[in-house]
Amino acid sequence: MIKMRLIITALFCTVVSFVATAQENTSDLGLMRSNGKIFVVMAVVLTILFGLFAYLISIDKKISRLEKEEQRQ
């Protein structure tokens, strides 16, 4: 349960940092925002992050299961 809270907190902090970074007013960002490309970039970044976190959670569950099996023996 503690690991899940840690993962959720890390995910939340990552998303907040991306949102805070997206508030910068630069000409490239303004151009991307006006063309609608910023939404594509953010969708790709969030998809990649979600995939990585899902992969890490699945690995954590597998390792936990293997550790439990090893303790039983």
PDB file of N, CA and C in Angstrom:
ATOM      1  N   MET A   1       0.818  -1.186   0.000  1.00  0.00           N
ATOM      2  CA  MET A   1       0.000   0.000   0.000  1.00  0.00           C
ATOM      3  C   MET A   1       0.868   1.257   0.000  1.00  0.00           C
ATOM      4  N   ILE A   2       1.982   1.203   0.735  1.00  0.00           N
ATOM      5  CA  ILE A   2       2.874   2.355   0.801  1.00  0.00           C
ATOM      6  C   ILE A   2       3.529   2.585  -0.554  1.00  0.00           C
ATOM      7  N   LYS A   3       3.873   1.496  -1.244  1.00  0.00           N
ATOM      8  CA  LYS A   3       4.488   1.633  -2.563  1.00  0.00           C
ATOM      9  C   LYS A   3       3.519   2.291  -3.545  1.00  0.00           C
ATOM     10  N   MET A   4       2.244   1.916  -3.454  1.00  0.00           N
ATOM     11  CA  MET A   4       1.239   2.487  -4.349  1.00  0.00           C
ATOM     12  C   MET A   4       1.091   3.987  -4.087  1.00  0.00           C
ATOM     13  N   ARG A   5       1.092   4.390  -2.813  1.00  0.00           N
ATOM     14  CA  ARG A   5       1.009   5.816  -2.481  1.00  0.00           C
ATOM     15  C   ARG A   5       2.210   6.563  -3.013  1.00  0.00           C
ATOM     16  N   LEU A   6       3.386   5.951  -2.906  1.00  0.00           N
ATOM     17  CA  LEU A   6       4.602   6.580  -3.408  1.00  0.00           C
ATOM     18  C   LEU A   6       4.537   6.761  -4.923  1.00  0.00           C
ATOM     19  N   ILE A   7       4.054   5.753  -5.611  1.00  0.00           N
ATOM     20  CA  ILE A   7       3.932   5.826  -7.067  1.00  0.00           C
ATOM     21  C   ILE A   7       2.915   6.885  -7.472  1.00  0.00           C
ATOM     22  N   ILE A   8       1.784   6.919  -6.784  1.00  0.00           N
ATOM     23  CA  ILE A   8       0.757   7.921  -7.104  1.00  0.00           C
ATOM     24  C   ILE A   8       1.270   9.324  -6.827  1.00  0.00           C
ATOM     25  N   THR A   9       1.999   9.499  -5.724  1.00  0.00           N
ATOM     26  CA  THR A   9       2.564  10.807  -5.404  1.00  0.00           C
ATOM     27  C   THR A   9       3.578  11.226  -6.460  1.00  0.00           C
ATOM     28  N   ALA A  10       4.414  10.301  -6.896  1.00  0.00           N
ATOM     29  CA  ALA A  10       5.401  10.619  -7.925  1.00  0.00           C
ATOM     30  C   ALA A  10       4.715  10.984  -9.239  1.00  0.00           C
ATOM     31  N   LEU A  11       3.676  10.255  -9.589  1.00  0.00           N
ATOM     32  CA  LEU A  11       2.929  10.560 -10.810  1.00  0.00           C
ATOM     33  C   LEU A  11       2.278  11.939 -10.719  1.00  0.00           C
ATOM     34  N   PHE A  12       1.686  12.238  -9.579  1.00  0.00           N
ATOM     35  CA  PHE A  12       1.052  13.550  -9.382  1.00  0.00           C
ATOM     36  C   PHE A  12       2.073  14.671  -9.499  1.00  0.00           C
ATOM     37  N   CYS A  13       3.231  14.504  -8.866  1.00  0.00           N
ATOM     38  CA  CYS A  13       4.274  15.534  -8.937  1.00  0.00           C
ATOM     39  C   CYS A  13       4.781  15.720 -10.364  1.00  0.00           C
ATOM     40  N   THR A  14       4.895  14.626 -11.097  1.00  0.00           N
ATOM     41  CA  THR A  14       5.341  14.717 -12.485  1.00  0.00           C
ATOM     42  C   THR A  14       4.339  15.484 -13.339  1.00  0.00           C
ATOM     43  N   VAL A  15       3.064  15.170 -13.178  1.00  0.00           N
ATOM     44  CA  VAL A  15       2.026  15.858 -13.949  1.00  0.00           C
ATOM     45  C   VAL A  15       1.980  17.340 -13.583  1.00  0.00           C
ATOM     46  N   VAL A  16       2.097  17.645 -12.292  1.00  0.00           N
ATOM     47  CA  VAL A  16       2.078  19.044 -11.860  1.00  0.00           C
ATOM     48  C   VAL A  16       3.267  19.797 -12.440  1.00  0.00           C
ATOM     49  N   SER A  17       4.429  19.163 -12.490  1.00  0.00           N
ATOM     50  CA  SER A  17       5.600  19.843 -13.047  1.00  0.00           C
ATOM     51  C   SER A  17       5.425  20.102 -14.545  1.00  0.00           C
ATOM     52  N   PHE A  18       4.773  19.162 -15.258  1.00  0.00           N
ATOM     53  CA  PHE A  18       4.515  19.392 -16.670  1.00  0.00           C
ATOM     54  C   PHE A  18       3.531  20.538 -16.867  1.00  0.00           C
ATOM     55  N   VAL A  19       2.527  20.609 -16.028  1.00  0.00           N
ATOM     56  CA  VAL A  19       1.547  21.692 -16.138  1.00  0.00           C
ATOM     57  C   VAL A  19       2.208  23.023 -15.827  1.00  0.00           C
ATOM     58  N   ALA A  20       3.059  23.049 -14.813  1.00  0.00           N
ATOM     59  CA  ALA A  20       3.752  24.290 -14.456  1.00  0.00           C
ATOM     60  C   ALA A  20       4.699  24.718 -15.569  1.00  0.00           C
ATOM     61  N   THR A  21       5.356  23.770 -16.202  1.00  0.00           N
ATOM     62  CA  THR A  21       6.260  24.085 -17.305  1.00  0.00           C
ATOM     63  C   THR A  21       5.480  24.589 -18.513  1.00  0.00           C
ATOM     64  N   ALA A  22       4.289  24.077 -18.704  1.00  0.00           N
ATOM     65  CA  ALA A  22       3.477  24.478 -19.848  1.00  0.00           C
ATOM     66  C   ALA A  22       2.980  25.915 -19.719  1.00  0.00           C
ATOM     67  N   GLN A  23       3.121  26.525 -18.545  1.00  0.00           N
ATOM     68  CA  GLN A  23       2.650  27.887 -18.351  1.00  0.00           C
ATOM     69  C   GLN A  23       3.678  28.930 -18.780  1.00  0.00           C
ATOM     70  N   GLU A  24       4.881  28.500 -19.141  1.00  0.00           N
ATOM     71  CA  GLU A  24       5.896  29.441 -19.590  1.00  0.00           C
ATOM     72  C   GLU A  24       5.450  30.104 -20.886  1.00  0.00           C
ATOM     73  N   ASN A  25       5.790  31.357 -21.028  1.00  0.00           N
ATOM     74  CA  ASN A  25       5.370  32.105 -22.209  1.00  0.00           C
ATOM     75  C   ASN A  25       6.569  32.293 -23.134  1.00  0.00           C
ATOM     76  N   THR A  26       6.816  31.330 -23.994  1.00  0.00           N
ATOM     77  CA  THR A  26       7.879  31.428 -24.985  1.00  0.00           C
ATOM     78  C   THR A  26       7.249  31.419 -26.366  1.00  0.00           C
ATOM     79  N   SER A  27       8.003  31.899 -27.333  1.00  0.00           N
ATOM     80  CA  SER A  27       7.447  31.985 -28.687  1.00  0.00           C
ATOM     81  C   SER A  27       7.182  30.600 -29.276  1.00  0.00           C
ATOM     82  N   ASP A  28       8.065  29.632 -29.013  1.00  0.00           N
ATOM     83  CA  ASP A  28       7.857  28.280 -29.534  1.00  0.00           C
ATOM     84  C   ASP A  28       6.616  27.646 -28.926  1.00  0.00           C
ATOM     85  N   LEU A  29       6.454  27.834 -27.635  1.00  0.00           N
ATOM     86  CA  LEU A  29       5.285  27.266 -26.980  1.00  0.00           C
ATOM     87  C   LEU A  29       4.013  27.937 -27.477  1.00  0.00           C
ATOM     88  N   GLY A  30       4.051  29.240 -27.665  1.00  0.00           N
ATOM     89  CA  GLY A  30       2.895  29.950 -28.199  1.00  0.00           C
ATOM     90  C   GLY A  30       2.547  29.476 -29.593  1.00  0.00           C
ATOM     91  N   LEU A  31       3.563  29.224 -30.409  1.00  0.00           N
ATOM     92  CA  LEU A  31       3.337  28.716 -31.756  1.00  0.00           C
ATOM     93  C   LEU A  31       2.737  27.318 -31.711  1.00  0.00           C
ATOM     94  N   MET A  32       3.264  26.482 -30.823  1.00  0.00           N
ATOM     95  CA  MET A  32       2.727  25.117 -30.709  1.00  0.00           C
ATOM     96  C   MET A  32       1.296  25.143 -30.182  1.00  0.00           C
ATOM     97  N   ARG A  33       1.037  26.047 -29.242  1.00  0.00           N
ATOM     98  CA  ARG A  33      -0.309  26.132 -28.683  1.00  0.00           C
ATOM     99  C   ARG A  33      -1.286  26.627 -29.743  1.00  0.00           C
ATOM    100  N   SER A  34      -0.884  27.584 -30.545  1.00  0.00           N
ATOM    101  CA  SER A  34      -1.799  28.111 -31.560  1.00  0.00           C
ATOM    102  C   SER A  34      -2.075  27.088 -32.653  1.00  0.00           C
ATOM    103  N   ASN A  35      -1.114  26.216 -32.924  1.00  0.00           N
ATOM    104  CA  ASN A  35      -1.309  25.179 -33.939  1.00  0.00           C
ATOM    105  C   ASN A  35      -1.974  23.930 -33.362  1.00  0.00           C
ATOM    106  N   GLY A  36      -2.126  23.865 -32.048  1.00  0.00           N
ATOM    107  CA  GLY A  36      -2.723  22.698 -31.419  1.00  0.00           C
ATOM    108  C   GLY A  36      -1.758  21.548 -31.217  1.00  0.00           C
ATOM    109  N   LYS A  37      -0.479  21.753 -31.510  1.00  0.00           N
ATOM    110  CA  LYS A  37       0.500  20.681 -31.374  1.00  0.00           C
ATOM    111  C   LYS A  37       0.852  20.399 -29.918  1.00  0.00           C
ATOM    112  N   ILE A  38       0.674  21.387 -29.056  1.00  0.00           N
ATOM    113  CA  ILE A  38       1.020  21.196 -27.652  1.00  0.00           C
ATOM    114  C   ILE A  38       0.182  20.081 -27.044  1.00  0.00           C
ATOM    115  N   PHE A  39      -1.057  19.945 -27.491  1.00  0.00           N
ATOM    116  CA  PHE A  39      -1.919  18.895 -26.965  1.00  0.00           C
ATOM    117  C   PHE A  39      -1.446  17.523 -27.413  1.00  0.00           C
ATOM    118  N   VAL A  40      -0.930  17.446 -28.608  1.00  0.00           N
ATOM    119  CA  VAL A  40      -0.386  16.180 -29.108  1.00  0.00           C
ATOM    120  C   VAL A  40       0.856  15.806 -28.317  1.00  0.00           C
ATOM    121  N   VAL A  41       1.720  16.778 -28.086  1.00  0.00           N
ATOM    122  CA  VAL A  41       2.949  16.526 -27.321  1.00  0.00           C
ATOM    123  C   VAL A  41       2.605  16.076 -25.907  1.00  0.00           C
ATOM    124  N   MET A  42       1.690  16.772 -25.266  1.00  0.00           N
ATOM    125  CA  MET A  42       1.313  16.408 -23.900  1.00  0.00           C
ATOM    126  C   MET A  42       0.655  15.023 -23.863  1.00  0.00           C
ATOM    127  N   ALA A  43      -0.152  14.697 -24.855  1.00  0.00           N
ATOM    128  CA  ALA A  43      -0.780  13.381 -24.907  1.00  0.00           C
ATOM    129  C   ALA A  43       0.274  12.282 -25.046  1.00  0.00           C
ATOM    130  N   VAL A  44       1.269  12.513 -25.875  1.00  0.00           N
ATOM    131  CA  VAL A  44       2.336  11.527 -26.062  1.00  0.00           C
ATOM    132  C   VAL A  44       3.143  11.365 -24.775  1.00  0.00           C
ATOM    133  N   VAL A  45       3.502  12.487 -24.150  1.00  0.00           N
ATOM    134  CA  VAL A  45       4.288  12.432 -22.912  1.00  0.00           C
ATOM    135  C   VAL A  45       3.512  11.711 -21.817  1.00  0.00           C
ATOM    136  N   LEU A  46       2.238  12.053 -21.654  1.00  0.00           N
ATOM    137  CA  LEU A  46       1.434  11.403 -20.619  1.00  0.00           C
ATOM    138  C   LEU A  46       1.216   9.920 -20.905  1.00  0.00           C
ATOM    139  N   THR A  47       1.071   9.560 -22.180  1.00  0.00           N
ATOM    140  CA  THR A  47       0.927   8.148 -22.548  1.00  0.00           C
ATOM    141  C   THR A  47       2.191   7.368 -22.211  1.00  0.00           C
ATOM    142  N   ILE A  48       3.337   7.938 -22.523  1.00  0.00           N
ATOM    143  CA  ILE A  48       4.607   7.278 -22.209  1.00  0.00           C
ATOM    144  C   ILE A  48       4.772   7.130 -20.701  1.00  0.00           C
ATOM    145  N   LEU A  49       4.488   8.200 -19.947  1.00  0.00           N
ATOM    146  CA  LEU A  49       4.613   8.125 -18.492  1.00  0.00           C
ATOM    147  C   LEU A  49       3.653   7.105 -17.898  1.00  0.00           C
ATOM    148  N   PHE A  50       2.409   7.093 -18.385  1.00  0.00           N
ATOM    149  CA  PHE A  50       1.436   6.124 -17.897  1.00  0.00           C
ATOM    150  C   PHE A  50       1.914   4.701 -18.177  1.00  0.00           C
ATOM    151  N   GLY A  51       2.443   4.472 -19.356  1.00  0.00           N
ATOM    152  CA  GLY A  51       2.962   3.149 -19.709  1.00  0.00           C
ATOM    153  C   GLY A  51       4.120   2.729 -18.818  1.00  0.00           C
ATOM    154  N   LEU A  52       5.034   3.669 -18.542  1.00  0.00           N
ATOM    155  CA  LEU A  52       6.162   3.358 -17.666  1.00  0.00           C
ATOM    156  C   LEU A  52       5.702   3.027 -16.251  1.00  0.00           C
ATOM    157  N   PHE A  53       4.769   3.829 -15.725  1.00  0.00           N
ATOM    158  CA  PHE A  53       4.277   3.554 -14.382  1.00  0.00           C
ATOM    159  C   PHE A  53       3.513   2.233 -14.328  1.00  0.00           C
ATOM    160  N   ALA A  54       2.741   1.926 -15.345  1.00  0.00           N
ATOM    161  CA  ALA A  54       2.025   0.652 -15.381  1.00  0.00           C
ATOM    162  C   ALA A  54       3.020  -0.514 -15.420  1.00  0.00           C
ATOM    163  N   TYR A  55       4.081  -0.357 -16.181  1.00  0.00           N
ATOM    164  CA  TYR A  55       5.115  -1.390 -16.266  1.00  0.00           C
ATOM    165  C   TYR A  55       5.809  -1.563 -14.915  1.00  0.00           C
ATOM    166  N   LEU A  56       6.127  -0.455 -14.257  1.00  0.00           N
ATOM    167  CA  LEU A  56       6.773  -0.537 -12.952  1.00  0.00           C
ATOM    168  C   LEU A  56       5.866  -1.200 -11.915  1.00  0.00           C
ATOM    169  N   ILE A  57       4.589  -0.890 -11.952  1.00  0.00           N
ATOM    170  CA  ILE A  57       3.653  -1.508 -11.021  1.00  0.00           C
ATOM    171  C   ILE A  57       3.555  -3.009 -11.270  1.00  0.00           C
ATOM    172  N   SER A  58       3.517  -3.408 -12.542  1.00  0.00           N
ATOM    173  CA  SER A  58       3.431  -4.845 -12.840  1.00  0.00           C
ATOM    174  C   SER A  58       4.700  -5.577 -12.399  1.00  0.00           C
ATOM    175  N   ILE A  59       5.848  -4.961 -12.589  1.00  0.00           N
ATOM    176  CA  ILE A  59       7.104  -5.577 -12.139  1.00  0.00           C
ATOM    177  C   ILE A  59       7.115  -5.683 -10.617  1.00  0.00           C
ATOM    178  N   ASP A  60       6.644  -4.648  -9.936  1.00  0.00           N
ATOM    179  CA  ASP A  60       6.600  -4.659  -8.478  1.00  0.00           C
ATOM    180  C   ASP A  60       5.717  -5.795  -7.968  1.00  0.00           C
ATOM    181  N   LYS A  61       4.568  -5.993  -8.607  1.00  0.00           N
ATOM    182  CA  LYS A  61       3.667  -7.072  -8.200  1.00  0.00           C
ATOM    183  C   LYS A  61       4.313  -8.434  -8.423  1.00  0.00           C
ATOM    184  N   LYS A  62       5.003  -8.608  -9.547  1.00  0.00           N
ATOM    185  CA  LYS A  62       5.657  -9.886  -9.833  1.00  0.00           C
ATOM    186  C   LYS A  62       6.768 -10.168  -8.831  1.00  0.00           C
ATOM    187  N   ILE A  63       7.556  -9.145  -8.508  1.00  0.00           N
ATOM    188  CA  ILE A  63       8.649  -9.322  -7.553  1.00  0.00           C
ATOM    189  C   ILE A  63       8.087  -9.641  -6.172  1.00  0.00           C
ATOM    190  N   SER A  64       7.026  -8.946  -5.777  1.00  0.00           N
ATOM    191  CA  SER A  64       6.405  -9.206  -4.475  1.00  0.00           C
ATOM    192  C   SER A  64       5.887 -10.641  -4.403  1.00  0.00           C
ATOM    193  N   ARG A  65       5.268 -11.109  -5.485  1.00  0.00           N
ATOM    194  CA  ARG A  65       4.766 -12.483  -5.519  1.00  0.00           C
ATOM    195  C   ARG A  65       5.915 -13.488  -5.405  1.00  0.00           C
ATOM    196  N   LEU A  66       7.015 -13.226  -6.115  1.00  0.00           N
ATOM    197  CA  LEU A  66       8.170 -14.124  -6.046  1.00  0.00           C
ATOM    198  C   LEU A  66       8.790 -14.121  -4.651  1.00  0.00           C
ATOM    199  N   GLU A  67       8.850 -12.953  -4.003  1.00  0.00           N
ATOM    200  CA  GLU A  67       9.402 -12.879  -2.650  1.00  0.00           C
ATOM    201  C   GLU A  67       8.545 -13.671  -1.668  1.00  0.00           C
ATOM    202  N   LYS A  68       7.209 -13.589  -1.820  1.00  0.00           N
ATOM    203  CA  LYS A  68       6.309 -14.338  -0.946  1.00  0.00           C
ATOM    204  C   LYS A  68       6.480 -15.829  -1.140  1.00  0.00           C
ATOM    205  N   GLU A  69       6.619 -16.258  -2.393  1.00  0.00           N
ATOM    206  CA  GLU A  69       6.826 -17.675  -2.676  1.00  0.00           C
ATOM    207  C   GLU A  69       8.152 -18.170  -2.099  1.00  0.00           C
ATOM    208  N   GLU A  70       9.159 -17.319  -2.161  1.00  0.00           N
ATOM    209  CA  GLU A  70      10.471 -17.701  -1.635  1.00  0.00           C
ATOM    210  C   GLU A  70      10.431 -17.802  -0.099  1.00  0.00           C
ATOM    211  N   GLN A  71       9.674 -16.933   0.546  1.00  0.00           N
ATOM    212  CA  GLN A  71       9.576 -16.978   2.013  1.00  0.00           C
ATOM    213  C   GLN A  71       8.830 -18.223   2.472  1.00  0.00           C
ATOM    214  N   ARG A  72       7.896 -18.715   1.695  1.00  0.00           N
ATOM    215  CA  ARG A  72       7.126 -19.911   2.057  1.00  0.00           C
ATOM    216  C   ARG A  72       7.992 -21.154   2.040  1.00  0.00           C
ATOM    217  N   GLN A  73       9.032 -21.154   1.216  1.00  0.00           N
ATOM    218  CA  GLN A  73       9.892 -22.335   1.088  1.00  0.00           C
ATOM    219  C   GLN A  73      10.879 -22.389   2.175  1.00  0.00           C
TER     220      GLN A  73
END
